[in-house]
């Protein structure tokens, strides 16, 4: 097989995607108002040519100790802290700026260090800022500051990062991260000093004394909850039977809520009206990943990206009307199709080329408690595979989220049995297209990389695997994670066999076991030397073990790279490494040299 020249000569989608997703959606004016940080270190504002406001070459400096975009006012705030003197510069999207100062009380021990800043409301309802500062002894204080107003100090009773502050309802919410578990949200009363109240949930939004939180009860899927911060009462929001990903209030005075829910691997938009408790799905062209980028009084901004559909900027106005503007990632030019199907008990996103496939790639997401979505996975690699006539099976393997707790928990401590069922279902599907095991490759990242290796161990007639930043040694990984945060110990213990007395086969995710592939299987490990999540040394150990057995394994080390690419050069480098390795596993030979 040869890869078509057209797929290699175009400006690479990975470069376009990396650049576009790093932009900030700030507002909407006949199209998206975008901000991007340029080489001069300033935020450059791009206004649509047909905008009502005059397009200007606006640049806003980002040289403060902290930078915050205040969505409710559409201003960029930079904060400079010099011991007890605070200088705040507020810059509008037009470039006009105002400067004001505030004084902090002296630190009890040494000097203050600014660790965070949030936009807030004071007791009179005026906009203000709340700074989180820490002294040299580790004592933390929250300081409310405003232009021309005295500083108010609050010493939090509970640990965590401040996510909401509104003294009109005497509320301050701190989020205490707990490793793999849902965070704890602590509601404190800075004015009355009442006893804090806590819930276990993810924070989504706060507005006018109300908040949106996402709970994941034991043995159940996620659900959206409206939390009244004044009355400390909760109300479950009626939502579709799906994975609740995010939510925002529509700042229209009616309390309506926009909900992002993932259904069959694609995100959908729903509008909940608390006045009649109705939940309606909003019409949205195409499929893909939806990420809320901003929410202010004029509307909610969203970034949409899809493997086949490309990218869009979306705006939901106060009247719940959707506006769309094409992004830079183009629509896929071929005639491939995407379907959500079930292979037995295994849900997949199936990408099929126009003609009968000549090979198959089974793609495995990380996690494990995540899910395969239509979101331009692997920075557009699926497109090039489809151009080459290769079908892609995006596998939501047993252990994934989004399909109920039984699907997630069925793999716990039975990974070999559960994943064998998943792999066999993919092999059976490929056989219906006339593709045999020797033309099936496994592609995975992080935990999915470990599963890609496991798949080759279980089915030694497969072509091979490409594992990016794989989690190869589960016992050592769990030990390191638990040492940093003890909450990981129970999490890993419930899902994996970690006993030191267990054999490599019993542990499953062990370098010795995962390197037991067949002599005819090509295996590539692509790993950054500075990976902060999974260990390059574990990949090196597995590769050395395989090479000792004279197996065709290759370790591609990306010097200085982390778990995910940090800049456009690293993104392009990783893409080319994975792309090249996958072509070698499948025996596909490019007709010309790839260009970036």
Protein backbone atom coordinates (compact mmCIF):
# COMPACT_ATOMS: atom_id res chain seq x y z
CA UNK A 1 0.00 0.00 0.00
CA UNK A 2 1.10 3.57 -0.70
CA UNK A 3 -0.13 6.73 0.95
CA UNK A 4 -1.59 9.27 -1.54
CA UNK A 5 0.56 12.33 -2.29
CA UNK A 6 -2.35 14.67 -1.45
CA UNK A 7 -2.44 13.46 2.15
CA UNK A 8 1.24 14.31 2.59
CA UNK A 9 1.62 17.62 0.74
CA UNK A 10 -0.99 19.68 2.61
CA UNK A 11 -0.12 21.89 5.58
CA UNK A 12 -0.45 19.46 8.39
CA UNK A 13 -3.72 19.37 10.33
CA UNK A 14 -1.82 18.79 13.60
CA UNK A 15 -0.09 22.17 13.22
CA UNK A 16 -3.35 23.97 12.42
CA UNK A 17 -5.18 22.27 15.28
CA UNK A 18 -2.47 23.01 17.85
CA UNK A 19 -2.46 26.70 16.90
CA UNK A 20 -6.23 27.08 16.84
CA UNK A 21 -7.00 25.33 20.12
CA UNK A 22 -4.51 27.58 21.91
CA UNK A 23 -6.55 30.66 21.00
CA UNK A 24 -8.93 32.33 23.45
CA UNK A 25 -12.55 32.93 22.50
CA UNK A 26 -13.20 36.27 24.18
CA UNK A 27 -16.45 37.54 22.69
CA UNK A 28 -18.63 37.57 19.56
CA UNK A 29 -19.16 40.40 17.08
CA UNK A 30 -20.62 39.06 13.82
CA UNK A 31 -18.12 36.26 14.42
CA UNK A 32 -15.58 35.13 17.01
CA UNK A 33 -13.39 37.69 18.75
CA UNK A 34 -10.22 35.72 19.38
CA UNK A 35 -7.06 36.30 21.36
CA UNK A 36 -3.69 34.65 20.87
CA UNK A 37 -0.38 35.06 22.65
CA UNK A 38 2.32 36.02 20.15
CA UNK A 39 6.11 35.97 20.28
CA UNK A 40 6.16 39.45 21.84
CA UNK A 41 4.43 38.01 24.92
CA UNK A 42 1.30 40.11 24.37
CA UNK A 43 -2.26 38.99 23.74
CA UNK A 44 -3.28 39.99 20.22
CA UNK A 45 -7.02 40.51 19.65
CA UNK A 46 -8.49 39.48 16.29
CA UNK A 47 -11.89 40.99 15.40
CA UNK A 48 -13.95 39.76 12.39
CA UNK A 49 -13.74 42.05 9.35
CA UNK A 50 -17.51 42.62 9.33
CA UNK A 51 -17.72 43.27 13.08
CA UNK A 52 -19.78 46.18 14.36
CA UNK A 53 -16.78 47.43 16.30
CA UNK A 54 -13.92 48.78 14.20
CA UNK A 55 -11.17 46.19 13.67
CA UNK A 56 -8.02 47.36 15.45
CA UNK A 57 -4.56 45.95 16.01
CA UNK A 58 -5.08 45.53 19.76
CA UNK A 59 -2.27 44.17 21.88
CA UNK A 60 -2.53 43.68 25.63
CA UNK A 61 0.53 43.09 27.76
CA UNK A 62 0.64 39.98 29.95
CA UNK A 63 3.51 40.96 32.24
CA UNK A 64 1.70 40.71 35.58
CA UNK A 65 2.17 38.25 38.42
CA UNK A 66 -1.29 36.95 37.52
CA UNK A 67 -3.53 37.43 34.49
CA UNK A 68 -7.29 36.93 34.48
CA UNK A 69 -9.95 37.37 31.80
CA UNK A 70 -13.15 38.63 33.41
CA UNK A 71 -15.89 37.20 31.21
CA UNK A 72 -18.70 39.20 32.80
CA UNK A 73 -17.01 42.51 31.89
CA UNK A 74 -14.94 41.43 28.86
CA UNK A 75 -11.75 42.86 30.32
CA UNK A 76 -8.31 41.38 30.81
CA UNK A 77 -6.90 41.97 34.29
CA UNK A 78 -3.22 41.86 35.19
CA UNK A 79 -2.18 41.91 38.84
CA UNK A 80 1.23 43.05 40.10
CA UNK A 81 2.10 42.31 43.74
CA UNK A 82 4.99 44.11 45.41
CA UNK A 83 5.02 42.96 49.03
CA UNK A 84 1.85 44.67 50.33
CA UNK A 85 1.17 46.93 47.35
CA UNK A 86 -1.09 45.65 44.56
CA UNK A 87 -1.33 47.29 41.14
CA UNK A 88 -4.22 46.21 38.90
CA UNK A 89 -4.49 47.03 35.19
CA UNK A 90 -7.83 46.39 33.50
CA UNK A 91 -7.74 46.32 29.67
CA UNK A 92 -10.82 46.14 27.48
CA UNK A 93 -10.90 44.35 24.14
CA UNK A 94 -10.52 47.73 22.44
CA UNK A 95 -7.17 48.20 24.14
CA UNK A 96 -8.27 50.93 26.55
CA UNK A 97 -6.98 50.34 30.06
CA UNK A 98 -7.46 51.60 33.60
CA UNK A 99 -5.05 51.27 36.49
CA UNK A 100 -5.79 51.19 40.20
CA UNK A 101 -4.05 50.20 43.39
CA UNK A 102 -4.84 48.47 46.66
CA UNK A 103 -2.94 47.74 49.85
CA UNK A 104 -2.70 44.38 51.61
CA UNK A 105 -2.03 43.91 55.31
CA UNK A 106 1.55 42.82 56.06
CA UNK A 107 2.28 39.11 56.10
CA UNK A 108 2.69 37.54 59.53
CA UNK A 109 5.75 35.61 58.37
CA UNK A 110 8.00 37.09 55.70
CA UNK A 111 6.35 38.22 52.50
CA UNK A 112 3.22 37.45 50.51
CA UNK A 113 3.33 35.26 47.42
CA UNK A 114 0.40 35.57 45.01
CA UNK A 115 -0.92 32.13 44.06
CA UNK A 116 -4.29 32.89 42.44
CA UNK A 117 -6.83 35.60 41.60
CA UNK A 118 -10.57 35.35 40.84
CA UNK A 119 -13.20 37.85 39.81
CA UNK A 120 -15.85 38.35 42.50
CA UNK A 121 -18.63 40.51 43.93
CA UNK A 122 -18.45 42.41 47.21
CA UNK A 123 -21.29 42.80 49.72
CA UNK A 124 -22.65 45.85 47.84
CA UNK A 125 -22.73 43.96 44.54
CA UNK A 126 -19.73 45.75 43.00
CA UNK A 127 -17.14 43.91 40.92
CA UNK A 128 -13.94 43.13 42.77
CA UNK A 129 -10.99 40.76 42.83
CA UNK A 130 -10.02 38.21 45.46
CA UNK A 131 -6.35 37.37 45.75
CA UNK A 132 -5.08 34.15 47.27
CA UNK A 133 -1.75 34.82 48.97
CA UNK A 134 0.60 32.70 51.02
CA UNK A 135 3.29 33.85 53.45
CA UNK A 136 6.71 32.30 54.03
CA UNK A 137 5.30 29.99 56.72
CA UNK A 138 2.60 28.61 54.41
CA UNK A 139 -0.34 30.51 55.91
CA UNK A 140 -3.02 31.28 53.33
CA UNK A 141 -5.29 34.32 53.25
CA UNK A 142 -7.92 35.60 50.82
CA UNK A 143 -7.90 39.36 50.20
CA UNK A 144 -10.84 41.06 48.52
CA UNK A 145 -9.70 44.24 46.75
CA UNK A 146 -11.53 46.83 44.69
CA UNK A 147 -10.80 50.24 43.20
CA UNK A 148 -11.09 52.84 45.95
CA UNK A 149 -12.32 50.33 48.52
CA UNK A 150 -10.75 48.93 51.70
CA UNK A 151 -9.26 45.46 51.59
CA UNK A 152 -11.26 42.67 53.24
CA UNK A 153 -9.38 39.65 54.59
CA UNK A 154 -10.64 36.11 55.07
CA UNK A 155 -8.67 33.16 56.39
CA UNK A 156 -10.22 30.04 54.89
CA UNK A 157 -11.14 27.31 57.33
CA UNK A 158 -10.90 24.60 54.68
CA UNK A 159 -8.17 23.73 52.19
CA UNK A 160 -8.52 24.27 48.48
CA UNK A 161 -8.48 26.74 45.62
CA UNK A 162 -11.03 29.56 45.59
CA UNK A 163 -13.45 29.16 42.66
CA UNK A 164 -16.29 31.51 43.65
CA UNK A 165 -16.75 34.56 45.89
CA UNK A 166 -19.95 36.56 46.27
CA UNK A 167 -20.54 38.43 49.52
CA UNK A 168 -24.07 39.41 48.44
CA UNK A 169 -24.97 35.89 49.54
CA UNK A 170 -22.06 35.51 51.97
CA UNK A 171 -20.52 32.71 49.91
CA UNK A 172 -16.99 31.58 49.18
CA UNK A 173 -16.44 28.19 47.53
CA UNK A 174 -13.09 26.42 47.67
CA UNK A 175 -12.23 23.35 45.62
CA UNK A 176 -10.09 20.72 47.32
CA UNK A 177 -8.64 18.37 44.73
CA UNK A 178 -8.51 14.71 45.74
CA UNK A 179 -6.49 13.00 43.05
CA UNK A 180 -8.62 10.49 41.13
CA UNK A 181 -11.80 11.20 43.10
CA UNK A 182 -14.25 14.04 42.61
CA UNK A 183 -13.03 17.18 44.42
CA UNK A 184 -14.56 18.41 47.65
CA UNK A 185 -16.28 21.77 47.35
CA UNK A 186 -16.31 23.72 50.62
CA UNK A 187 -18.89 26.50 51.07
CA UNK A 188 -17.64 29.04 53.59
CA UNK A 189 -19.36 32.15 55.00
CA UNK A 190 -16.79 34.99 55.17
CA UNK A 191 -19.24 37.41 56.79
CA UNK A 192 -21.20 35.30 59.26
CA UNK A 193 -18.37 32.81 59.91
CA UNK A 194 -20.92 29.98 59.89
CA UNK A 195 -19.69 26.39 59.82
CA UNK A 196 -18.52 25.40 56.31
CA UNK A 197 -20.55 22.89 54.30
CA UNK A 198 -18.97 20.44 51.87
CA UNK A 199 -20.05 18.38 48.86
CA UNK A 200 -18.16 16.01 46.58
CA UNK A 201 -18.51 17.21 43.01
CA UNK A 202 -16.83 19.00 40.11
CA UNK A 203 -17.34 22.75 39.88
CA UNK A 204 -18.88 23.97 36.62
CA UNK A 205 -20.15 27.53 37.11
CA UNK A 206 -21.33 30.15 39.59
CA UNK A 207 -23.60 33.15 39.03
CA UNK A 208 -25.78 35.41 41.20
CA UNK A 209 -25.54 33.18 44.29
CA UNK A 210 -26.20 29.94 42.41
CA UNK A 211 -23.79 27.32 41.18
CA UNK A 212 -23.68 24.30 38.88
CA UNK A 213 -21.81 21.22 40.06
CA UNK A 214 -21.37 17.77 38.50
CA UNK A 215 -21.66 14.82 40.85
CA UNK A 216 -20.66 11.22 40.21
CA UNK A 217 -22.48 9.13 42.84
CA UNK A 218 -21.04 5.65 43.59
CA UNK A 219 -22.24 3.15 41.00
CA UNK A 220 -23.91 5.81 38.84
CA UNK A 221 -23.21 8.10 35.90
CA UNK A 222 -22.47 11.78 36.34
CA UNK A 223 -25.36 14.18 36.97
CA UNK A 224 -25.77 17.93 37.02
CA UNK A 225 -26.87 19.60 40.24
CA UNK A 226 -27.96 23.19 40.86
CA UNK A 227 -26.58 24.36 44.21
CA UNK A 228 -28.23 27.37 45.83
CA UNK A 229 -25.38 29.00 47.73
CA UNK A 230 -27.66 31.24 49.77
CA UNK A 231 -29.95 28.52 51.08
CA UNK A 232 -27.36 25.72 50.83
CA UNK A 233 -29.96 23.62 49.00
CA UNK A 234 -29.50 21.36 45.97
CA UNK A 235 -31.65 20.43 43.01
CA UNK A 236 -30.84 17.76 40.43
CA UNK A 237 -31.06 19.12 36.91
CA UNK A 238 -33.00 16.86 34.51
CA UNK A 239 -30.45 15.86 31.91
CA UNK A 240 -30.18 13.24 29.16
CA UNK A 241 -28.99 9.76 30.06
CA UNK A 242 -25.43 10.57 29.08
CA UNK A 243 -22.02 11.63 30.32
CA UNK A 244 -22.41 15.20 31.65
CA UNK A 245 -19.29 17.05 30.59
CA UNK A 246 -19.88 20.72 31.39
CA UNK A 247 -22.52 23.39 32.05
CA UNK A 248 -22.91 27.18 32.25
CA UNK A 249 -25.59 29.62 33.28
CA UNK A 250 -26.99 31.80 30.52
CA UNK A 251 -26.61 35.23 32.07
CA UNK A 252 -30.14 36.30 31.01
CA UNK A 253 -31.79 36.77 34.41
CA UNK A 254 -33.95 33.67 33.94
CA UNK A 255 -31.57 31.11 35.38
CA UNK A 256 -31.43 28.99 32.23
CA UNK A 257 -28.53 26.57 31.88
CA UNK A 258 -26.56 25.26 28.90
CA UNK A 259 -25.50 21.63 29.36
CA UNK A 260 -22.87 19.73 27.36
CA UNK A 261 -23.61 15.99 27.34
CA UNK A 262 -21.71 13.25 25.51
CA UNK A 263 -24.00 10.78 23.76
CA UNK A 264 -22.56 7.93 21.69
CA UNK A 265 -19.13 9.51 21.47
CA UNK A 266 -20.26 12.96 20.37
CA UNK A 267 -21.11 16.06 22.40
CA UNK A 268 -24.59 17.56 22.37
CA UNK A 269 -26.05 20.83 23.69
CA UNK A 270 -29.10 20.97 25.97
CA UNK A 271 -30.97 23.89 27.46
CA UNK A 272 -32.54 23.57 30.92
CA UNK A 273 -35.15 26.05 32.09
CA UNK A 274 -35.58 25.95 35.90
CA UNK A 275 -38.91 27.77 35.66
CA UNK A 276 -40.66 24.81 34.02
CA UNK A 277 -37.97 22.16 34.65
CA UNK A 278 -37.81 21.35 30.92
CA UNK A 279 -34.67 20.19 29.16
CA UNK A 280 -34.48 20.56 25.38
CA UNK A 281 -31.69 19.54 23.00
CA UNK A 282 -30.47 22.38 20.79
CA UNK A 283 -30.12 21.79 17.04
CA UNK A 284 -26.47 21.51 16.07
CA UNK A 285 -25.06 20.67 12.67
CA UNK A 286 -22.63 17.77 12.66
CA UNK A 287 -20.90 15.94 15.48
CA UNK A 288 -17.75 16.50 17.47
CA UNK A 289 -16.23 17.71 20.71
CA UNK A 290 -17.70 20.84 22.30
CA UNK A 291 -15.63 22.87 24.74
CA UNK A 292 -17.07 25.92 26.48
CA UNK A 293 -14.52 28.73 26.20
CA UNK A 294 -16.32 31.73 27.70
CA UNK A 295 -19.61 32.66 29.39
CA UNK A 296 -20.64 36.25 29.91
CA UNK A 297 -23.73 38.50 29.92
CA UNK A 298 -23.87 38.53 26.10
CA UNK A 299 -23.67 34.78 25.57
CA UNK A 300 -21.66 31.56 25.76
CA UNK A 301 -18.75 30.78 23.41
CA UNK A 302 -17.90 27.22 22.36
CA UNK A 303 -15.17 25.57 20.29
CA UNK A 304 -16.26 22.57 18.21
CA UNK A 305 -13.90 20.15 16.49
CA UNK A 306 -14.57 16.91 14.64
CA UNK A 307 -12.45 14.41 12.71
CA UNK A 308 -14.51 14.69 9.54
CA UNK A 309 -16.29 18.02 10.08
CA UNK A 310 -13.28 20.19 10.99
CA UNK A 311 -13.60 23.05 13.46
CA UNK A 312 -16.15 25.76 14.27
CA UNK A 313 -16.58 28.61 16.72
CA UNK A 314 -20.10 28.66 18.16
CA UNK A 315 -21.95 31.37 20.07
CA UNK A 316 -25.15 30.90 22.07
CA UNK A 317 -26.78 34.29 22.55
CA UNK A 318 -29.08 35.35 25.40
CA UNK A 319 -32.13 34.25 23.39
CA UNK A 320 -30.68 30.73 23.01
CA UNK A 321 -29.91 31.18 19.31
CA UNK A 322 -26.80 29.47 17.98
CA UNK A 323 -24.34 31.24 15.66
CA UNK A 324 -21.47 29.42 13.92
CA UNK A 325 -18.27 30.46 12.22
CA UNK A 326 -15.94 28.08 10.40
CA UNK A 327 -12.60 27.52 12.12
CA UNK A 328 -9.24 26.87 10.49
CA UNK A 329 -9.35 23.06 10.59
CA UNK A 330 -11.00 22.25 7.25
CA UNK A 331 -13.67 19.68 6.65
CA UNK A 332 -12.31 16.31 5.58
CA UNK A 333 -12.26 16.27 1.79
CA UNK A 334 -12.98 12.58 1.25
CA UNK A 335 -16.15 10.55 1.53
CA UNK A 336 -15.44 8.67 4.72
CA UNK A 337 -18.24 7.96 7.18
CA UNK A 338 -18.47 7.97 10.95
CA UNK A 339 -20.90 5.77 12.87
CA UNK A 340 -21.41 4.82 16.50
CA UNK A 341 -21.96 1.06 16.67
CA UNK A 342 -21.75 -1.81 19.12
CA UNK A 343 -19.52 -4.83 18.59
CA UNK A 344 -21.18 -7.16 21.05
CA UNK A 345 -20.85 -5.40 24.41
CA UNK A 346 -18.21 -3.00 23.07
CA UNK A 347 -19.20 0.52 21.88
CA UNK A 348 -17.03 2.00 19.14
CA UNK A 349 -16.74 4.98 16.85
CA UNK A 350 -16.27 3.46 13.40
CA UNK A 351 -14.57 5.44 10.65
CA UNK A 352 -14.82 3.81 7.22
CA UNK A 353 -13.11 4.95 4.01
CA UNK A 354 -15.10 5.34 0.81
CA UNK A 355 -13.83 2.02 -0.58
CA UNK A 356 -13.62 -1.31 1.29
CA UNK A 357 -10.79 -1.00 3.82
CA UNK A 358 -7.42 -2.59 3.16
CA UNK A 359 -6.34 -2.44 6.81
CA UNK A 360 -7.69 -1.52 10.25
CA UNK A 361 -6.34 0.56 13.12
CA UNK A 362 -7.89 0.03 16.56
CA UNK A 363 -7.46 3.27 18.51
CA UNK A 364 -7.33 3.14 22.32
CA UNK A 365 -7.85 6.25 24.47
CA UNK A 366 -6.02 6.91 27.74
CA UNK A 367 -7.46 6.91 31.20
CA UNK A 368 -8.72 4.26 31.57
CA UNK A 369 -11.73 6.21 32.88
CA UNK A 370 -12.17 8.43 29.88
CA UNK A 371 -13.82 7.83 26.52
CA UNK A 372 -13.23 7.95 22.80
CA UNK A 373 -14.97 10.98 21.31
CA UNK A 374 -15.20 12.45 17.85
CA UNK A 375 -12.66 15.21 18.54
CA UNK A 376 -9.95 15.08 15.87
CA UNK A 377 -8.15 12.37 17.77
CA UNK A 378 -4.40 12.09 17.25
CA UNK A 379 -4.39 15.54 15.62
CA UNK A 380 -5.94 14.40 12.36
CA UNK A 381 -4.13 11.08 11.93
CA UNK A 382 -7.44 9.33 11.25
CA UNK A 383 -7.83 11.43 8.11
CA UNK A 384 -4.57 10.24 6.62
CA UNK A 385 -5.43 6.65 7.45
CA UNK A 386 -8.81 6.99 5.75
CA UNK A 387 -7.10 8.46 2.67
CA UNK A 388 -4.95 5.34 2.56
CA UNK A 389 -8.02 3.09 2.73
CA UNK A 390 -7.54 2.20 6.41
CA UNK A 391 -10.60 1.88 8.65
CA UNK A 392 -10.32 3.23 12.20
CA UNK A 393 -12.12 1.68 15.17
CA UNK A 394 -12.19 4.13 18.07
CA UNK A 395 -12.72 1.66 20.89
CA UNK A 396 -14.54 2.56 24.10
CA UNK A 397 -13.11 -0.55 25.70
CA UNK A 398 -14.44 -2.11 28.85
CA UNK A 399 -13.27 0.20 31.63
CA UNK A 400 -14.23 3.40 29.78
CA UNK A 401 -16.70 5.92 31.14
CA UNK A 402 -19.79 7.25 29.39
CA UNK A 403 -21.64 3.94 29.11
CA UNK A 404 -22.71 3.31 32.67
CA UNK A 405 -20.87 2.04 35.76
CA UNK A 406 -21.22 -1.62 34.79
CA UNK A 407 -19.24 -1.05 31.60
CA UNK A 408 -16.58 0.82 33.58
CA UNK A 409 -16.26 -1.67 36.43
CA UNK A 410 -16.48 -4.87 34.40
CA UNK A 411 -12.77 -4.63 33.62
CA UNK A 412 -11.57 -4.09 37.17
CA UNK A 413 -8.98 -6.75 38.08
CA UNK A 414 -10.14 -8.78 35.04
CA UNK A 415 -8.41 -6.72 32.36
CA UNK A 416 -7.13 -9.69 30.39
CA UNK A 417 -10.55 -11.32 30.06
CA UNK A 418 -12.38 -8.04 29.42
CA UNK A 419 -9.94 -6.68 26.86
CA UNK A 420 -9.69 -10.00 25.05
CA UNK A 421 -13.44 -9.71 24.40
CA UNK A 422 -12.94 -6.18 23.07
CA UNK A 423 -10.10 -7.20 20.75
CA UNK A 424 -11.94 -10.24 19.45
CA UNK A 425 -14.95 -8.09 18.60
CA UNK A 426 -12.74 -5.80 16.51
CA UNK A 427 -11.09 -8.73 14.75
CA UNK A 428 -14.53 -10.12 13.91
CA UNK A 429 -15.66 -6.75 12.52
CA UNK A 430 -12.54 -6.47 10.37
CA UNK A 431 -13.13 -9.96 9.01
CA UNK A 432 -16.51 -8.82 7.68
CA UNK A 433 -14.64 -6.24 5.58
CA UNK A 434 -12.19 -8.86 4.34
CA UNK A 435 -9.33 -7.65 6.56
CA UNK A 436 -7.37 -10.30 8.43
CA UNK A 437 -5.49 -10.00 11.74
CA UNK A 438 -2.17 -9.44 9.97
CA UNK A 439 -3.52 -6.11 8.68
CA UNK A 440 -4.79 -4.88 12.06
CA UNK A 441 -2.65 -2.51 14.15
CA UNK A 442 -3.31 -1.23 17.66
CA UNK A 443 -2.70 2.43 18.48
CA UNK A 444 -2.87 3.76 22.03
CA UNK A 445 -1.76 6.61 24.27
CA UNK A 446 -0.95 6.54 27.99
CA UNK A 447 -3.09 3.72 29.47
CA UNK A 448 -4.32 3.03 25.96
CA UNK A 449 -0.70 2.44 24.98
CA UNK A 450 -0.46 -0.32 27.58
CA UNK A 451 -3.66 -1.85 26.18
CA UNK A 452 -2.18 -1.74 22.67
CA UNK A 453 0.71 -3.87 23.89
CA UNK A 454 -1.63 -6.17 25.80
CA UNK A 455 -3.68 -6.69 22.65
CA UNK A 456 -0.60 -7.95 20.83
CA UNK A 457 0.13 -10.34 23.68
CA UNK A 458 -3.43 -11.69 23.54
CA UNK A 459 -3.63 -11.92 19.74
CA UNK A 460 -0.18 -12.66 18.39
CA UNK A 461 -1.39 -12.73 14.80
CA UNK A 462 -2.03 -8.96 14.78
CA UNK A 463 0.34 -6.71 12.81
CA UNK A 464 1.66 -4.91 15.87
CA UNK A 465 1.24 -1.80 17.98
CA UNK A 466 2.21 1.83 18.39
CA UNK A 467 2.16 2.94 22.03
CA UNK A 468 2.59 6.65 22.82
CA UNK A 469 3.72 7.47 26.36
CA UNK A 470 2.43 4.08 27.57
CA UNK A 471 1.67 3.21 31.19
CA UNK A 472 3.67 0.00 31.24
CA UNK A 473 4.40 -0.73 34.91
CA UNK A 474 1.15 -0.35 36.86
CA UNK A 475 2.61 -1.34 40.25
CA UNK A 476 5.42 1.20 40.19
CA UNK A 477 3.14 3.84 38.68
CA UNK A 478 0.63 3.31 41.51
CA UNK A 479 3.38 3.49 44.11
CA UNK A 480 4.65 6.79 42.73
CA UNK A 481 1.16 8.28 42.48
CA UNK A 482 0.26 7.14 46.02
CA UNK A 483 3.46 8.59 47.43
CA UNK A 484 2.49 11.99 45.99
CA UNK A 485 -1.18 11.67 46.95
CA UNK A 486 -2.36 8.82 49.25
CA UNK A 487 -5.87 8.95 47.76
CA UNK A 488 -4.54 7.11 44.72
CA UNK A 489 -3.79 3.98 46.74
CA UNK A 490 -7.40 2.85 47.08
CA UNK A 491 -8.23 3.95 43.54
CA UNK A 492 -5.53 1.81 41.95
CA UNK A 493 -6.11 -1.03 44.40
CA UNK A 494 -9.76 -1.38 43.36
CA UNK A 495 -8.91 -1.62 39.67
CA UNK A 496 -5.61 -3.45 39.33
CA UNK A 497 -3.66 -6.31 40.83
CA UNK A 498 -0.79 -4.60 42.64
CA UNK A 499 0.52 -7.25 45.05
CA UNK A 500 4.29 -7.60 44.97
CA UNK A 501 3.80 -11.37 45.16
CA UNK A 502 1.71 -11.42 41.96
CA UNK A 503 3.28 -12.69 38.77
CA UNK A 504 3.76 -10.35 35.77
CA UNK A 505 0.87 -12.10 34.04
CA UNK A 506 -1.39 -11.55 37.04
CA UNK A 507 -0.44 -7.89 37.22
CA UNK A 508 -1.10 -7.68 33.45
CA UNK A 509 0.41 -4.21 33.06
CA UNK A 510 3.97 -5.25 33.74
CA UNK A 511 7.01 -4.74 31.47
CA UNK A 512 7.83 -8.46 31.40
CA UNK A 513 4.27 -9.45 30.46
CA UNK A 514 3.64 -6.67 27.94
CA UNK A 515 6.90 -7.39 26.13
CA UNK A 516 5.81 -10.98 25.40
CA UNK A 517 4.70 -10.17 21.84
CA UNK A 518 5.26 -12.41 18.82
CA UNK A 519 8.41 -12.30 16.63
CA UNK A 520 6.33 -11.19 13.65
CA UNK A 521 4.74 -8.21 15.39
CA UNK A 522 6.29 -4.75 14.92
CA UNK A 523 6.06 -2.65 18.08
CA UNK A 524 6.96 1.02 18.51
CA UNK A 525 7.07 2.94 21.79
CA UNK A 526 7.07 6.74 21.45
CA UNK A 527 7.92 8.42 24.75
CA UNK A 528 9.14 11.82 25.93
CA UNK A 529 12.21 11.69 28.14
CA UNK A 530 10.66 14.19 30.58
CA UNK A 531 7.20 12.64 30.82
CA UNK A 532 5.66 13.80 34.10
CA UNK A 533 2.78 11.27 34.05
CA UNK A 534 4.13 7.96 32.77
CA UNK A 535 7.76 6.97 33.05
CA UNK A 536 10.11 6.85 30.06
CA UNK A 537 12.29 4.51 32.12
CA UNK A 538 9.48 1.94 32.22
CA UNK A 539 9.23 2.03 28.42
CA UNK A 540 13.00 1.63 28.22
CA UNK A 541 12.86 -1.40 30.48
CA UNK A 542 10.12 -3.04 28.39
CA UNK A 543 11.92 -2.29 25.12
CA UNK A 544 15.20 -3.66 26.47
CA UNK A 545 13.40 -6.85 27.57
CA UNK A 546 11.83 -7.28 24.14
CA UNK A 547 15.08 -6.63 22.31
CA UNK A 548 16.80 -9.15 24.58
CA UNK A 549 14.24 -11.66 23.25
CA UNK A 550 15.20 -10.53 19.71
CA UNK A 551 11.72 -9.09 19.11
CA UNK A 552 11.27 -6.23 16.58
CA UNK A 553 10.65 -3.45 19.07
CA UNK A 554 11.73 0.17 18.67
CA UNK A 555 11.82 2.84 21.37
CA UNK A 556 11.55 6.36 19.93
CA UNK A 557 12.73 8.81 22.60
CA UNK A 558 11.63 12.42 22.29
CA UNK A 559 14.32 14.35 24.15
CA UNK A 560 12.93 16.95 26.52
CA UNK A 561 9.25 16.20 25.74
CA UNK A 562 6.57 15.58 28.35
CA UNK A 563 3.39 13.51 28.41
CA UNK A 564 1.71 15.80 25.89
CA UNK A 565 3.42 18.22 23.48
CA UNK A 566 4.15 21.62 25.00
CA UNK A 567 4.52 23.59 21.76
CA UNK A 568 3.84 23.34 18.07
CA UNK A 569 7.25 21.83 17.30
CA UNK A 570 6.76 19.05 19.84
CA UNK A 571 3.24 18.43 18.53
CA UNK A 572 4.45 18.09 14.94
CA UNK A 573 7.38 15.91 16.03
CA UNK A 574 5.16 13.52 17.97
CA UNK A 575 2.66 13.33 15.15
CA UNK A 576 5.35 12.41 12.64
CA UNK A 577 6.84 9.81 15.00
CA UNK A 578 3.47 8.12 15.56
CA UNK A 579 2.46 8.43 11.92
CA UNK A 580 5.72 6.95 10.66
CA UNK A 581 5.64 4.10 13.18
CA UNK A 582 2.05 3.21 12.33
CA UNK A 583 2.78 3.11 8.62
CA UNK A 584 5.67 0.73 9.26
CA UNK A 585 3.51 -1.56 11.38
CA UNK A 586 0.88 -1.71 8.62
CA UNK A 587 3.38 -1.92 5.77
CA UNK A 588 2.18 1.32 4.16
CA UNK A 589 4.88 3.15 2.20
CA UNK A 590 4.51 6.91 1.59
CA UNK A 591 4.83 7.92 -2.02
CA UNK A 592 6.67 11.14 -1.12
CA UNK A 593 8.34 12.56 1.95
CA UNK A 594 5.94 14.19 4.35
CA UNK A 595 6.10 17.96 4.77
CA UNK A 596 4.95 20.04 7.68
